[in-house]
């Protein structure tokens, strides 16, 4: 089950996609988006910095799952870019 942690003071948001996973690597998708990976290369979580300017989910792995978690947390209004198929 996904979990969303929003820190208003730090202006950051973290979407935990795998609660049982140990993060072994973090990959930057630009200066304000990061993906935490397990040893097996599976996505464990997504971190967004400077979210007051909006959350950009384009080109992010697990974007649909992250979007659903963000909306469920009542923060869907913060997403300003979402992948279009």
C-alpha atoms as a PDB file:
ATOM      1  CA  UNK A   1       0.000   0.000   0.000  1.00  0.00           C
ATOM      2  CA  UNK A   2       1.262   3.470  -0.868  1.00  0.00           C
ATOM      3  CA  UNK A   3       1.799   6.231   1.664  1.00  0.00           C
ATOM      4  CA  UNK A   4       2.256   9.959   1.111  1.00  0.00           C
ATOM      5  CA  UNK A   5       4.214  12.232   3.448  1.00  0.00           C
ATOM      6  CA  UNK A   6       3.896  15.961   2.811  1.00  0.00           C
ATOM      7  CA  UNK A   7       6.169  18.394   4.678  1.00  0.00           C
ATOM      8  CA  UNK A   8       4.839  21.915   4.209  1.00  0.00           C
ATOM      9  CA  UNK A   9       7.859  23.560   5.884  1.00  0.00           C
ATOM     10  CA  UNK A  10      10.358  21.683   3.716  1.00  0.00           C
ATOM     11  CA  UNK A  11       8.066  22.089   0.676  1.00  0.00           C
ATOM     12  CA  UNK A  12       8.552  18.420  -0.149  1.00  0.00           C
ATOM     13  CA  UNK A  13       6.441  15.340  -0.715  1.00  0.00           C
ATOM     14  CA  UNK A  14       7.407  11.665  -0.590  1.00  0.00           C
ATOM     15  CA  UNK A  15       5.344   8.835  -2.058  1.00  0.00           C
ATOM     16  CA  UNK A  16       6.292   5.498  -0.511  1.00  0.00           C
ATOM     17  CA  UNK A  17       5.279   2.766  -2.939  1.00  0.00           C
ATOM     18  CA  UNK A  18       6.816  -0.248  -1.192  1.00  0.00           C
ATOM     19  CA  UNK A  19       6.755  -0.313   2.593  1.00  0.00           C
ATOM     20  CA  UNK A  20       8.749  -3.550   2.767  1.00  0.00           C
ATOM     21  CA  UNK A  21      11.595  -2.351   0.552  1.00  0.00           C
ATOM     22  CA  UNK A  22      15.075  -1.273   1.531  1.00  0.00           C
ATOM     23  CA  UNK A  23      16.345   1.628  -0.554  1.00  0.00           C
ATOM     24  CA  UNK A  24      19.825   1.060  -1.965  1.00  0.00           C
ATOM     25  CA  UNK A  25      20.010   3.724  -4.683  1.00  0.00           C
ATOM     26  CA  UNK A  26      18.467   7.079  -5.544  1.00  0.00           C
ATOM     27  CA  UNK A  27      18.230   8.380  -9.099  1.00  0.00           C
ATOM     28  CA  UNK A  28      17.664  12.072  -9.810  1.00  0.00           C
ATOM     29  CA  UNK A  29      15.113  13.056 -12.434  1.00  0.00           C
ATOM     30  CA  UNK A  30      16.226  16.677 -12.443  1.00  0.00           C
ATOM     31  CA  UNK A  31      16.876  18.895  -9.436  1.00  0.00           C
ATOM     32  CA  UNK A  32      13.506  18.430  -7.727  1.00  0.00           C
ATOM     33  CA  UNK A  33      12.492  14.826  -8.460  1.00  0.00           C
ATOM     34  CA  UNK A  34      14.141  11.660  -7.137  1.00  0.00           C
ATOM     35  CA  UNK A  35      13.383   7.955  -7.387  1.00  0.00           C
ATOM     36  CA  UNK A  36      14.396   5.544  -4.621  1.00  0.00           C
ATOM     37  CA  UNK A  37      15.238   2.057  -5.855  1.00  0.00           C
ATOM     38  CA  UNK A  38      15.727  -1.310  -4.200  1.00  0.00           C
ATOM     39  CA  UNK A  39      18.749  -3.527  -4.842  1.00  0.00           C
ATOM     40  CA  UNK A  40      16.649  -5.340  -7.473  1.00  0.00           C
ATOM     41  CA  UNK A  41      15.949  -2.044  -9.247  1.00  0.00           C
ATOM     42  CA  UNK A  42      12.313  -1.805  -8.196  1.00  0.00           C
ATOM     43  CA  UNK A  43      10.843   1.592  -7.354  1.00  0.00           C
ATOM     44  CA  UNK A  44      10.441   2.006  -3.602  1.00  0.00           C
ATOM     45  CA  UNK A  45       9.430   5.664  -3.526  1.00  0.00           C
ATOM     46  CA  UNK A  46       9.359   9.030  -5.237  1.00  0.00           C
ATOM     47  CA  UNK A  47      10.519  12.311  -3.698  1.00  0.00           C
ATOM     48  CA  UNK A  48       9.446  15.733  -4.937  1.00  0.00           C
ATOM     49  CA  UNK A  49      11.050  18.979  -3.759  1.00  0.00           C
ATOM     50  CA  UNK A  50       9.604  22.501  -4.121  1.00  0.00           C
ATOM     51  CA  UNK A  51       6.090  21.105  -4.475  1.00  0.00           C
ATOM     52  CA  UNK A  52       4.411  24.463  -3.899  1.00  0.00           C
ATOM     53  CA  UNK A  53       5.259  25.085  -7.570  1.00  0.00           C
ATOM     54  CA  UNK A  54       3.477  21.861  -8.520  1.00  0.00           C
ATOM     55  CA  UNK A  55       4.335  18.194  -8.865  1.00  0.00           C
ATOM     56  CA  UNK A  56       5.501  16.974 -12.259  1.00  0.00           C
ATOM     57  CA  UNK A  57       4.836  13.261 -12.798  1.00  0.00           C
ATOM     58  CA  UNK A  58       5.852  13.208 -16.468  1.00  0.00           C
ATOM     59  CA  UNK A  59       8.563  10.641 -17.258  1.00  0.00           C
ATOM     60  CA  UNK A  60       8.442   9.294 -13.699  1.00  0.00           C
ATOM     61  CA  UNK A  61       8.268   5.540 -13.111  1.00  0.00           C
ATOM     62  CA  UNK A  62       5.083   4.402 -11.382  1.00  0.00           C
ATOM     63  CA  UNK A  63       3.397   7.745 -12.181  1.00  0.00           C
ATOM     64  CA  UNK A  64      -0.123   6.271 -12.144  1.00  0.00           C
ATOM     65  CA  UNK A  65       0.377   4.650  -8.746  1.00  0.00           C
ATOM     66  CA  UNK A  66       1.960   7.822  -7.357  1.00  0.00           C
ATOM     67  CA  UNK A  67      -0.858   9.982  -8.722  1.00  0.00           C
ATOM     68  CA  UNK A  68      -3.489   7.724  -7.154  1.00  0.00           C
ATOM     69  CA  UNK A  69      -1.709   7.919  -3.781  1.00  0.00           C
ATOM     70  CA  UNK A  70      -1.369  11.715  -3.979  1.00  0.00           C
ATOM     71  CA  UNK A  71      -5.069  12.097  -4.820  1.00  0.00           C
ATOM     72  CA  UNK A  72      -6.062   9.682  -2.027  1.00  0.00           C
ATOM     73  CA  UNK A  73      -4.051  11.832   0.407  1.00  0.00           C
ATOM     74  CA  UNK A  74      -6.134  14.851  -0.634  1.00  0.00           C
ATOM     75  CA  UNK A  75      -3.224  16.526  -2.414  1.00  0.00           C
ATOM     76  CA  UNK A  76      -4.216  15.970  -6.042  1.00  0.00           C
ATOM     77  CA  UNK A  77      -4.436  19.728  -6.578  1.00  0.00           C
ATOM     78  CA  UNK A  78      -0.637  19.872  -6.298  1.00  0.00           C
ATOM     79  CA  UNK A  79      -0.072  17.798  -9.459  1.00  0.00           C
ATOM     80  CA  UNK A  80       0.440  20.157 -12.379  1.00  0.00           C
ATOM     81  CA  UNK A  81       1.865  17.732 -14.945  1.00  0.00           C
ATOM     82  CA  UNK A  82       0.723  14.206 -15.528  1.00  0.00           C
ATOM     83  CA  UNK A  83       1.637  11.754 -18.303  1.00  0.00           C
ATOM     84  CA  UNK A  84      -0.785  11.785 -21.220  1.00  0.00           C
ATOM     85  CA  UNK A  85      -1.214   8.653 -23.284  1.00  0.00           C
END
